[in-house]
Amino acid sequence: YIDQQTIDYLKLTGREPEQVALVEHYAKTTGLWADALVTAEYER
């Protein structure tokens, strides 16, 4: 999942601040952030 570890890594590897902000905002807005996926269900 996309989470704070992802954001920290993007910063560590020198990605542009605007790109890092986009990743966090998009993931949190669309339900792709880890916190929104704790109720995800899998067949297996």
All heavy atoms as atom14 arrays in JSON, in Angstrom:
{
  "sequence": "YIDQQTIDYLKLTGREPEQVALVEHYAKTTGLWADALVTAEYER",
  "atom14_mask": [
    [1, 1, 1, 1, 1, 1, 1, 1, 1, 1, 1, 1, 0, 0],
    [1, 1, 1, 1, 1, 1, 1, 1, 0, 0, 0, 0, 0, 0],
    [1, 1, 1, 1, 1, 1, 1, 1, 0, 0, 0, 0, 0, 0],
    [1, 1, 1, 1, 1, 1, 1, 1, 1, 0, 0, 0, 0, 0],
    [1, 1, 1, 1, 1, 1, 1, 1, 1, 0, 0, 0, 0, 0],
    [1, 1, 1, 1, 1, 1, 1, 0, 0, 0, 0, 0, 0, 0],
    [1, 1, 1, 1, 1, 1, 1, 1, 0, 0, 0, 0, 0, 0],
    [1, 1, 1, 1, 1, 1, 1, 1, 0, 0, 0, 0, 0, 0],
    [1, 1, 1, 1, 1, 1, 1, 1, 1, 1, 1, 1, 0, 0],
    [1, 1, 1, 1, 1, 1, 1, 1, 0, 0, 0, 0, 0, 0],
    [1, 1, 1, 1, 1, 1, 1, 1, 1, 0, 0, 0, 0, 0],
    [1, 1, 1, 1, 1, 1, 1, 1, 0, 0, 0, 0, 0, 0],
    [1, 1, 1, 1, 1, 1, 1, 0, 0, 0, 0, 0, 0, 0],
    [1, 1, 1, 1, 0, 0, 0, 0, 0, 0, 0, 0, 0, 0],
    [1, 1, 1, 1, 1, 1, 1, 1, 1, 1, 1, 0, 0, 0],
    [1, 1, 1, 1, 1, 1, 1, 1, 1, 0, 0, 0, 0, 0],
    [1, 1, 1, 1, 1, 1, 1, 0, 0, 0, 0, 0, 0, 0],
    [1, 1, 1, 1, 1, 1, 1, 1, 1, 0, 0, 0, 0, 0],
    [1, 1, 1, 1, 1, 1, 1, 1, 1, 0, 0, 0, 0, 0],
    [1, 1, 1, 1, 1, 1, 1, 0, 0, 0, 0, 0, 0, 0],
    [1, 1, 1, 1, 1, 0, 0, 0, 0, 0, 0, 0, 0, 0],
    [1, 1, 1, 1, 1, 1, 1, 1, 0, 0, 0, 0, 0, 0],
    [1, 1, 1, 1, 1, 1, 1, 0, 0, 0, 0, 0, 0, 0],
    [1, 1, 1, 1, 1, 1, 1, 1, 1, 0, 0, 0, 0, 0],
    [1, 1, 1, 1, 1, 1, 1, 1, 1, 1, 0, 0, 0, 0],
    [1, 1, 1, 1, 1, 1, 1, 1, 1, 1, 1, 1, 0, 0],
    [1, 1, 1, 1, 1, 0, 0, 0, 0, 0, 0, 0, 0, 0],
    [1, 1, 1, 1, 1, 1, 1, 1, 1, 0, 0, 0, 0, 0],
    [1, 1, 1, 1, 1, 1, 1, 0, 0, 0, 0, 0, 0, 0],
    [1, 1, 1, 1, 1, 1, 1, 0, 0, 0, 0, 0, 0, 0],
    [1, 1, 1, 1, 0, 0, 0, 0, 0, 0, 0, 0, 0, 0],
    [1, 1, 1, 1, 1, 1, 1, 1, 0, 0, 0, 0, 0, 0],
    [1, 1, 1, 1, 1, 1, 1, 1, 1, 1, 1, 1, 1, 1],
    [1, 1, 1, 1, 1, 0, 0, 0, 0, 0, 0, 0, 0, 0],
    [1, 1, 1, 1, 1, 1, 1, 1, 0, 0, 0, 0, 0, 0],
    [1, 1, 1, 1, 1, 0, 0, 0, 0, 0, 0, 0, 0, 0],
    [1, 1, 1, 1, 1, 1, 1, 1, 0, 0, 0, 0, 0, 0],
    [1, 1, 1, 1, 1, 1, 1, 0, 0, 0, 0, 0, 0, 0],
    [1, 1, 1, 1, 1, 1, 1, 0, 0, 0, 0, 0, 0, 0],
    [1, 1, 1, 1, 1, 0, 0, 0, 0, 0, 0, 0, 0, 0],
    [1, 1, 1, 1, 1, 1, 1, 1, 1, 0, 0, 0, 0, 0],
    [1, 1, 1, 1, 1, 1, 1, 1, 1, 1, 1, 1, 0, 0],
    [1, 1, 1, 1, 1, 1, 1, 1, 1, 0, 0, 0, 0, 0],
    [1, 1, 1, 1, 1, 1, 1, 1, 1, 1, 1, 0, 0, 0]
  ],
  "atom14_positions": [
    [[0.83, -1.2, 0.0], [0.0, 0.0, 0.0], [0.87, 1.26, 0.0], [2.02, 1.24, 0.45], [-0.9, 0.04, 1.24], [-1.89, -1.08, 1.38], [-2.42, -1.41, 2.63], [-2.33, -1.81, 0.28], [-3.34, -2.43, 2.79], [-3.26, -2.83, 0.41], [-3.76, -3.15, 1.67], [-4.68, -4.16, 1.82], [0.0, 0.0, 0.0], [0.0, 0.0, 0.0]],
    [[0.3, 2.37, -0.48], [0.95, 3.67, -0.37], [0.73, 4.18, 1.05], [-0.4, 4.22, 1.54], [0.37, 4.66, -1.4], [0.62, 4.17, -2.83], [0.98, 6.05, -1.21], [-0.1, 4.98, -3.9], [0.0, 0.0, 0.0], [0.0, 0.0, 0.0], [0.0, 0.0, 0.0], [0.0, 0.0, 0.0], [0.0, 0.0, 0.0], [0.0, 0.0, 0.0]],
    [[1.81, 4.56, 1.74], [1.69, 5.07, 3.11], [2.82, 6.04, 3.39], [3.5, 6.5, 2.46], [1.66, 3.92, 4.12], [2.95, 3.08, 4.1], [3.91, 3.44, 3.39], [2.99, 2.04, 4.8], [0.0, 0.0, 0.0], [0.0, 0.0, 0.0], [0.0, 0.0, 0.0], [0.0, 0.0, 0.0], [0.0, 0.0, 0.0], [0.0, 0.0, 0.0]],
    [[3.03, 6.35, 4.65], [4.06, 7.34, 5.0], [5.45, 6.86, 4.61], [6.32, 7.67, 4.29], [4.0, 7.64, 6.51], [4.87, 8.82, 6.94], [4.5, 10.1, 6.22], [3.33, 10.45, 6.09], [5.51, 10.84, 5.75], [0.0, 0.0, 0.0], [0.0, 0.0, 0.0], [0.0, 0.0, 0.0], [0.0, 0.0, 0.0], [0.0, 0.0, 0.0]],
    [[5.68, 5.53, 4.64], [6.98, 5.01, 4.2], [7.24, 5.38, 2.74], [8.37, 5.7, 2.36], [7.02, 3.47, 4.36], [6.93, 2.98, 5.8], [8.28, 3.0, 6.51], [9.23, 3.61, 6.04], [8.36, 2.33, 7.64], [0.0, 0.0, 0.0], [0.0, 0.0, 0.0], [0.0, 0.0, 0.0], [0.0, 0.0, 0.0], [0.0, 0.0, 0.0]],
    [[6.19, 5.33, 1.92], [6.31, 5.7, 0.51], [6.71, 7.17, 0.39], [7.62, 7.52, -0.38], [4.98, 5.47, -0.23], [4.41, 4.23, 0.19], [5.17, 5.48, -1.72], [0.0, 0.0, 0.0], [0.0, 0.0, 0.0], [0.0, 0.0, 0.0], [0.0, 0.0, 0.0], [0.0, 0.0, 0.0], [0.0, 0.0, 0.0], [0.0, 0.0, 0.0]],
    [[6.04, 8.01, 1.14], [6.31, 9.45, 1.09], [7.74, 9.73, 1.55], [8.47, 10.5, 0.91], [5.3, 10.22, 1.96], [3.87, 9.97, 1.48], [5.61, 11.71, 1.98], [3.61, 10.29, 0.02], [0.0, 0.0, 0.0], [0.0, 0.0, 0.0], [0.0, 0.0, 0.0], [0.0, 0.0, 0.0], [0.0, 0.0, 0.0], [0.0, 0.0, 0.0]],
    [[8.15, 9.11, 2.64], [9.51, 9.31, 3.15], [10.55, 8.89, 2.12], [11.58, 9.55, 1.95], [9.72, 8.52, 4.44], [8.9, 9.05, 5.6], [8.38, 10.18, 5.49], [8.75, 8.32, 6.6], [0.0, 0.0, 0.0], [0.0, 0.0, 0.0], [0.0, 0.0, 0.0], [0.0, 0.0, 0.0], [0.0, 0.0, 0.0], [0.0, 0.0, 0.0]],
    [[10.27, 7.78, 1.41], [11.22, 7.29, 0.41], [11.3, 8.25, -0.79], [12.39, 8.51, -1.31], [10.8, 5.89, -0.07], [11.77, 5.29, -1.06], [12.96, 4.71, -0.63], [11.52, 5.33, -2.43], [13.87, 4.16, -1.54], [12.41, 4.79, -3.34], [13.59, 4.21, -2.89], [14.48, 3.68, -3.79], [0.0, 0.0, 0.0], [0.0, 0.0, 0.0]],
    [[10.16, 8.78, -1.22], [10.17, 9.72, -2.34], [10.98, 10.96, -1.98], [11.72, 11.5, -2.82], [8.74, 10.1, -2.72], [7.88, 8.96, -3.3], [6.46, 9.45, -3.55], [8.48, 8.39, -4.58], [0.0, 0.0, 0.0], [0.0, 0.0, 0.0], [0.0, 0.0, 0.0], [0.0, 0.0, 0.0], [0.0, 0.0, 0.0], [0.0, 0.0, 0.0]],
    [[10.87, 11.4, -0.74], [11.67, 12.55, -0.29], [13.14, 12.19, -0.25], [14.0, 12.96, -0.69], [11.19, 13.01, 1.09], [9.81, 13.65, 1.1], [9.39, 14.01, 2.52], [8.01, 14.65, 2.55], [7.56, 14.93, 3.95], [0.0, 0.0, 0.0], [0.0, 0.0, 0.0], [0.0, 0.0, 0.0], [0.0, 0.0, 0.0], [0.0, 0.0, 0.0]],
    [[13.45, 11.0, 0.29], [14.84, 10.56, 0.42], [15.52, 10.47, -0.94], [16.71, 10.81, -1.08], [14.89, 9.19, 1.1], [16.27, 8.53, 1.22], [17.16, 9.33, 2.17], [16.14, 7.09, 1.68], [0.0, 0.0, 0.0], [0.0, 0.0, 0.0], [0.0, 0.0, 0.0], [0.0, 0.0, 0.0], [0.0, 0.0, 0.0], [0.0, 0.0, 0.0]],
    [[14.78, 10.02, -1.95], [15.38, 9.82, -3.27], [15.33, 11.08, -4.14], [15.6, 11.01, -5.34], [14.7, 8.65, -4.0], [13.28, 8.81, -3.95], [15.07, 7.32, -3.35], [0.0, 0.0, 0.0], [0.0, 0.0, 0.0], [0.0, 0.0, 0.0], [0.0, 0.0, 0.0], [0.0, 0.0, 0.0], [0.0, 0.0, 0.0], [0.0, 0.0, 0.0]],
    [[14.98, 12.21, -3.55], [15.11, 13.48, -4.25], [14.0, 13.81, -5.22], [14.18, 14.66, -6.09], [0.0, 0.0, 0.0], [0.0, 0.0, 0.0], [0.0, 0.0, 0.0], [0.0, 0.0, 0.0], [0.0, 0.0, 0.0], [0.0, 0.0, 0.0], [0.0, 0.0, 0.0], [0.0, 0.0, 0.0], [0.0, 0.0, 0.0], [0.0, 0.0, 0.0]],
    [[12.84, 13.17, -5.07], [11.72, 13.55, -5.92], [11.31, 14.99, -5.6], [11.48, 15.47, -4.48], [10.53, 12.62, -5.68], [10.33, 11.48, -6.65], [11.42, 10.45, -6.72], [10.93, 9.23, -7.41], [11.24, 8.0, -7.11], [12.1, 7.79, -6.13], [10.74, 6.98, -7.78], [0.0, 0.0, 0.0], [0.0, 0.0, 0.0], [0.0, 0.0, 0.0]],
    [[10.72, 15.67, -6.58], [10.31, 17.06, -6.39], [9.21, 17.15, -5.33], [8.31, 16.31, -5.28], [9.82, 17.65, -7.71], [10.9, 17.8, -8.77], [12.03, 18.72, -8.32], [11.74, 19.75, -7.65], [13.2, 18.41, -8.62], [0.0, 0.0, 0.0], [0.0, 0.0, 0.0], [0.0, 0.0, 0.0], [0.0, 0.0, 0.0], [0.0, 0.0, 0.0]],
    [[9.25, 18.21, -4.5], [8.23, 18.36, -3.44], [6.81, 18.34, -3.98], [5.91, 17.79, -3.34], [8.58, 19.71, -2.81], [10.03, 19.92, -3.11], [10.27, 19.27, -4.44], [0.0, 0.0, 0.0], [0.0, 0.0, 0.0], [0.0, 0.0, 0.0], [0.0, 0.0, 0.0], [0.0, 0.0, 0.0], [0.0, 0.0, 0.0], [0.0, 0.0, 0.0]],
    [[6.6, 18.95, -5.16], [5.25, 18.97, -5.75], [4.77, 17.56, -6.08], [3.59, 17.24, -5.91], [5.24, 19.84, -7.01], [5.59, 21.29, -6.8], [7.09, 21.56, -6.72], [7.88, 20.61, -6.94], [7.47, 22.7, -6.43], [0.0, 0.0, 0.0], [0.0, 0.0, 0.0], [0.0, 0.0, 0.0], [0.0, 0.0, 0.0], [0.0, 0.0, 0.0]],
    [[5.69, 16.72, -6.54], [5.34, 15.34, -6.88], [5.01, 14.55, -5.61], [4.05, 13.77, -5.58], [6.47, 14.67, -7.65], [6.19, 13.23, -8.07], [5.0, 13.13, -9.02], [4.76, 14.03, -9.83], [4.24, 12.06, -8.91], [0.0, 0.0, 0.0], [0.0, 0.0, 0.0], [0.0, 0.0, 0.0], [0.0, 0.0, 0.0], [0.0, 0.0, 0.0]],
    [[5.8, 14.74, -4.58], [5.56, 14.04, -3.32], [4.2, 14.44, -2.75], [3.42, 13.59, -2.29], [6.68, 14.36, -2.3], [6.4, 13.68, -0.97], [8.04, 13.92, -2.84], [0.0, 0.0, 0.0], [0.0, 0.0, 0.0], [0.0, 0.0, 0.0], [0.0, 0.0, 0.0], [0.0, 0.0, 0.0], [0.0, 0.0, 0.0], [0.0, 0.0, 0.0]],
    [[3.88, 15.75, -2.82], [2.59, 16.23, -2.32], [1.45, 15.64, -3.13], [0.39, 15.29, -2.59], [2.56, 17.75, -2.36], [0.0, 0.0, 0.0], [0.0, 0.0, 0.0], [0.0, 0.0, 0.0], [0.0, 0.0, 0.0], [0.0, 0.0, 0.0], [0.0, 0.0, 0.0], [0.0, 0.0, 0.0], [0.0, 0.0, 0.0], [0.0, 0.0, 0.0]],
    [[1.64, 15.53, -4.46], [0.61, 14.96, -5.32], [0.33, 13.51, -4.95], [-0.83, 13.09, -4.87], [1.04, 15.05, -6.79], [0.15, 14.3, -7.8], [-1.25, 14.92, -7.83], [0.78, 14.29, -9.19], [0.0, 0.0, 0.0], [0.0, 0.0, 0.0], [0.0, 0.0, 0.0], [0.0, 0.0, 0.0], [0.0, 0.0, 0.0], [0.0, 0.0, 0.0]],
    [[1.37, 12.73, -4.72], [1.21, 11.31, -4.38], [0.39, 11.18, -3.1], [-0.59, 10.41, -3.04], [2.58, 10.62, -4.21], [2.4, 9.21, -3.64], [3.31, 10.56, -5.55], [0.0, 0.0, 0.0], [0.0, 0.0, 0.0], [0.0, 0.0, 0.0], [0.0, 0.0, 0.0], [0.0, 0.0, 0.0], [0.0, 0.0, 0.0], [0.0, 0.0, 0.0]],
    [[0.74, 11.95, -2.08], [0.03, 11.84, -0.81], [-1.42, 12.29, -0.95], [-2.35, 11.61, -0.47], [0.74, 12.67, 0.26], [0.12, 12.53, 1.64], [0.97, 13.13, 2.75], [2.1, 13.6, 2.45], [0.51, 13.14, 3.91], [0.0, 0.0, 0.0], [0.0, 0.0, 0.0], [0.0, 0.0, 0.0], [0.0, 0.0, 0.0], [0.0, 0.0, 0.0]],
    [[-1.63, 13.42, -1.62], [-2.99, 13.95, -1.77], [-3.86, 13.01, -2.6], [-5.01, 12.72, -2.23], [-2.94, 15.34, -2.42], [-4.28, 15.96, -2.65], [-5.1, 16.34, -1.6], [-4.95, 16.25, -3.79], [-6.23, 16.83, -2.09], [-6.16, 16.79, -3.41], [0.0, 0.0, 0.0], [0.0, 0.0, 0.0], [0.0, 0.0, 0.0], [0.0, 0.0, 0.0]],
    [[-3.32, 12.52, -3.69], [-4.09, 11.64, -4.57], [-4.47, 10.34, -3.84], [-5.62, 9.9, -3.88], [-3.29, 11.31, -5.83], [-4.07, 10.51, -6.86], [-4.69, 11.15, -7.93], [-4.19, 9.13, -6.76], [-5.42, 10.43, -8.88], [-4.9, 8.39, -7.69], [-5.51, 9.05, -8.75], [-6.23, 8.33, -9.67], [0.0, 0.0, 0.0], [0.0, 0.0, 0.0]],
    [[-3.49, 9.74, -3.18], [-3.74, 8.46, -2.5], [-4.79, 8.63, -1.4], [-5.68, 7.79, -1.24], [-2.45, 7.9, -1.94], [0.0, 0.0, 0.0], [0.0, 0.0, 0.0], [0.0, 0.0, 0.0], [0.0, 0.0, 0.0], [0.0, 0.0, 0.0], [0.0, 0.0, 0.0], [0.0, 0.0, 0.0], [0.0, 0.0, 0.0], [0.0, 0.0, 0.0]],
    [[-4.69, 9.71, -0.63], [-5.65, 9.93, 0.46], [-7.03, 10.27, -0.07], [-8.05, 9.91, 0.53], [-5.12, 11.03, 1.39], [-3.94, 10.58, 2.24], [-3.45, 11.67, 3.18], [-2.36, 11.15, 4.12], [-1.83, 12.2, 5.01], [0.0, 0.0, 0.0], [0.0, 0.0, 0.0], [0.0, 0.0, 0.0], [0.0, 0.0, 0.0], [0.0, 0.0, 0.0]],
    [[-7.09, 10.97, -1.21], [-8.37, 11.39, -1.77], [-9.12, 10.24, -2.43], [-10.35, 10.14, -2.35], [-8.16, 12.53, -2.8], [-7.49, 13.62, -2.16], [-9.48, 13.02, -3.37], [0.0, 0.0, 0.0], [0.0, 0.0, 0.0], [0.0, 0.0, 0.0], [0.0, 0.0, 0.0], [0.0, 0.0, 0.0], [0.0, 0.0, 0.0], [0.0, 0.0, 0.0]],
    [[-8.37, 9.33, -3.06], [-9.01, 8.28, -3.86], [-9.15, 6.95, -3.12], [-9.66, 5.98, -3.69], [-8.21, 8.04, -5.15], [-6.88, 7.63, -4.8], [-8.15, 9.3, -6.0], [0.0, 0.0, 0.0], [0.0, 0.0, 0.0], [0.0, 0.0, 0.0], [0.0, 0.0, 0.0], [0.0, 0.0, 0.0], [0.0, 0.0, 0.0], [0.0, 0.0, 0.0]],
    [[-8.68, 6.88, -1.89], [-8.8, 5.63, -1.15], [-7.66, 4.66, -1.36], [-7.77, 3.48, -1.02], [0.0, 0.0, 0.0], [0.0, 0.0, 0.0], [0.0, 0.0, 0.0], [0.0, 0.0, 0.0], [0.0, 0.0, 0.0], [0.0, 0.0, 0.0], [0.0, 0.0, 0.0], [0.0, 0.0, 0.0], [0.0, 0.0, 0.0], [0.0, 0.0, 0.0]],
    [[-6.56, 5.14, -1.92], [-5.4, 4.27, -2.13], [-4.39, 4.37, -0.99], [-3.37, 3.68, -1.0], [-4.7, 4.62, -3.46], [-5.46, 4.26, -4.73], [-4.68, 4.7, -5.96], [-5.75, 2.77, -4.79], [0.0, 0.0, 0.0], [0.0, 0.0, 0.0], [0.0, 0.0, 0.0], [0.0, 0.0, 0.0], [0.0, 0.0, 0.0], [0.0, 0.0, 0.0]],
    [[-4.64, 5.23, -0.01], [-3.75, 5.35, 1.15], [-3.99, 4.16, 2.06], [-5.11, 3.66, 2.18], [-4.04, 6.66, 1.86], [-3.05, 7.03, 2.93], [-3.21, 6.91, 4.28], [-1.76, 7.61, 2.74], [-2.11, 7.35, 4.95], [-1.18, 7.8, 4.03], [-1.02, 7.98, 1.62], [0.09, 8.35, 4.21], [0.25, 8.53, 1.81], [0.78, 8.7, 3.08]],
    [[-2.95, 3.7, 2.72], [-3.03, 2.47, 3.53], [-4.16, 2.5, 4.54], [-4.85, 1.5, 4.75], [-1.69, 2.24, 4.22], [0.0, 0.0, 0.0], [0.0, 0.0, 0.0], [0.0, 0.0, 0.0], [0.0, 0.0, 0.0], [0.0, 0.0, 0.0], [0.0, 0.0, 0.0], [0.0, 0.0, 0.0], [0.0, 0.0, 0.0], [0.0, 0.0, 0.0]],
    [[-4.38, 3.65, 5.19], [-5.41, 3.73, 6.23], [-6.79, 3.41, 5.69], [-7.66, 2.89, 6.41], [-5.43, 5.12, 6.86], [-4.16, 5.4, 7.66], [-3.39, 4.45, 7.9], [-3.95, 6.57, 8.05], [0.0, 0.0, 0.0], [0.0, 0.0, 0.0], [0.0, 0.0, 0.0], [0.0, 0.0, 0.0], [0.0, 0.0, 0.0], [0.0, 0.0, 0.0]],
    [[-7.03, 3.74, 4.41], [-8.34, 3.5, 3.8], [-8.52, 2.05, 3.37], [-9.62, 1.65, 3.01], [-8.53, 4.43, 2.6], [0.0, 0.0, 0.0], [0.0, 0.0, 0.0], [0.0, 0.0, 0.0], [0.0, 0.0, 0.0], [0.0, 0.0, 0.0], [0.0, 0.0, 0.0], [0.0, 0.0, 0.0], [0.0, 0.0, 0.0], [0.0, 0.0, 0.0]],
    [[-7.43, 1.28, 3.42], [-7.49, -0.09, 2.91], [-7.48, -1.14, 4.02], [-7.39, -2.33, 3.75], [-6.31, -0.33, 1.96], [-6.37, 0.47, 0.64], [-5.03, 0.44, -0.07], [-7.46, -0.05, -0.27], [0.0, 0.0, 0.0], [0.0, 0.0, 0.0], [0.0, 0.0, 0.0], [0.0, 0.0, 0.0], [0.0, 0.0, 0.0], [0.0, 0.0, 0.0]],
    [[-7.58, -0.69, 5.26], [-7.56, -1.66, 6.37], [-8.79, -2.58, 6.34], [-8.76, -3.68, 6.9], [-7.47, -0.95, 7.74], [-6.12, -0.28, 7.91], [-8.6, 0.05, 7.92], [0.0, 0.0, 0.0], [0.0, 0.0, 0.0], [0.0, 0.0, 0.0], [0.0, 0.0, 0.0], [0.0, 0.0, 0.0], [0.0, 0.0, 0.0], [0.0, 0.0, 0.0]],
    [[-9.85, -2.15, 5.67], [-11.05, -2.98, 5.57], [-11.12, -3.75, 4.25], [-12.13, -4.37, 3.95], [-12.31, -2.12, 5.72], [-12.29, -1.09, 4.7], [-12.38, -1.46, 7.09], [0.0, 0.0, 0.0], [0.0, 0.0, 0.0], [0.0, 0.0, 0.0], [0.0, 0.0, 0.0], [0.0, 0.0, 0.0], [0.0, 0.0, 0.0], [0.0, 0.0, 0.0]],
    [[-10.04, -3.69, 3.46], [-10.02, -4.41, 2.18], [-10.23, -5.89, 2.41], [-9.69, -6.47, 3.36], [-8.7, -4.17, 1.45], [0.0, 0.0, 0.0], [0.0, 0.0, 0.0], [0.0, 0.0, 0.0], [0.0, 0.0, 0.0], [0.0, 0.0, 0.0], [0.0, 0.0, 0.0], [0.0, 0.0, 0.0], [0.0, 0.0, 0.0], [0.0, 0.0, 0.0]],
    [[-11.04, -6.51, 1.56], [-11.33, -7.93, 1.69], [-10.73, -8.7, 0.52], [-10.77, -8.23, -0.62], [-12.84, -8.16, 1.75], [-13.5, -7.54, 2.97], [-15.0, -7.79, 3.01], [-15.52, -8.49, 2.11], [-15.66, -7.28, 3.95], [0.0, 0.0, 0.0], [0.0, 0.0, 0.0], [0.0, 0.0, 0.0], [0.0, 0.0, 0.0], [0.0, 0.0, 0.0]],
    [[-10.2, -9.88, 0.81], [-9.59, -10.73, -0.2], [-10.28, -12.1, -0.16], [-10.63, -12.58, 0.92], [-8.09, -10.9, 0.05], [-7.31, -9.61, 0.04], [-7.11, -8.89, 1.22], [-6.76, -9.11, -1.14], [-6.39, -7.7, 1.22], [-6.04, -7.94, -1.15], [-5.86, -7.23, 0.03], [-5.15, -6.06, 0.03], [0.0, 0.0, 0.0], [0.0, 0.0, 0.0]],
    [[-10.45, -12.69, -1.32], [-11.02, -14.04, -1.34], [-10.12, -15.03, -0.61], [-10.58, -16.0, -0.02], [-11.22, -14.51, -2.79], [-12.39, -13.86, -3.49], [-12.68, -14.51, -4.82], [-12.13, -15.61, -5.09], [-13.45, -13.94, -5.6], [0.0, 0.0, 0.0], [0.0, 0.0, 0.0], [0.0, 0.0, 0.0], [0.0, 0.0, 0.0], [0.0, 0.0, 0.0]],
    [[-8.82, -14.77, -0.66], [-7.86, -15.66, -0.02], [-6.86, -14.83, 0.75], [-6.28, -13.88, 0.2], [-7.15, -16.5, -1.09], [-6.2, -17.56, -0.54], [-5.52, -18.28, -1.69], [-4.55, -19.25, -1.2], [-3.5, -19.67, -1.91], [-3.32, -19.24, -3.16], [-2.67, -20.56, -1.41], [0.0, 0.0, 0.0], [0.0, 0.0, 0.0], [0.0, 0.0, 0.0]]
  ]
}
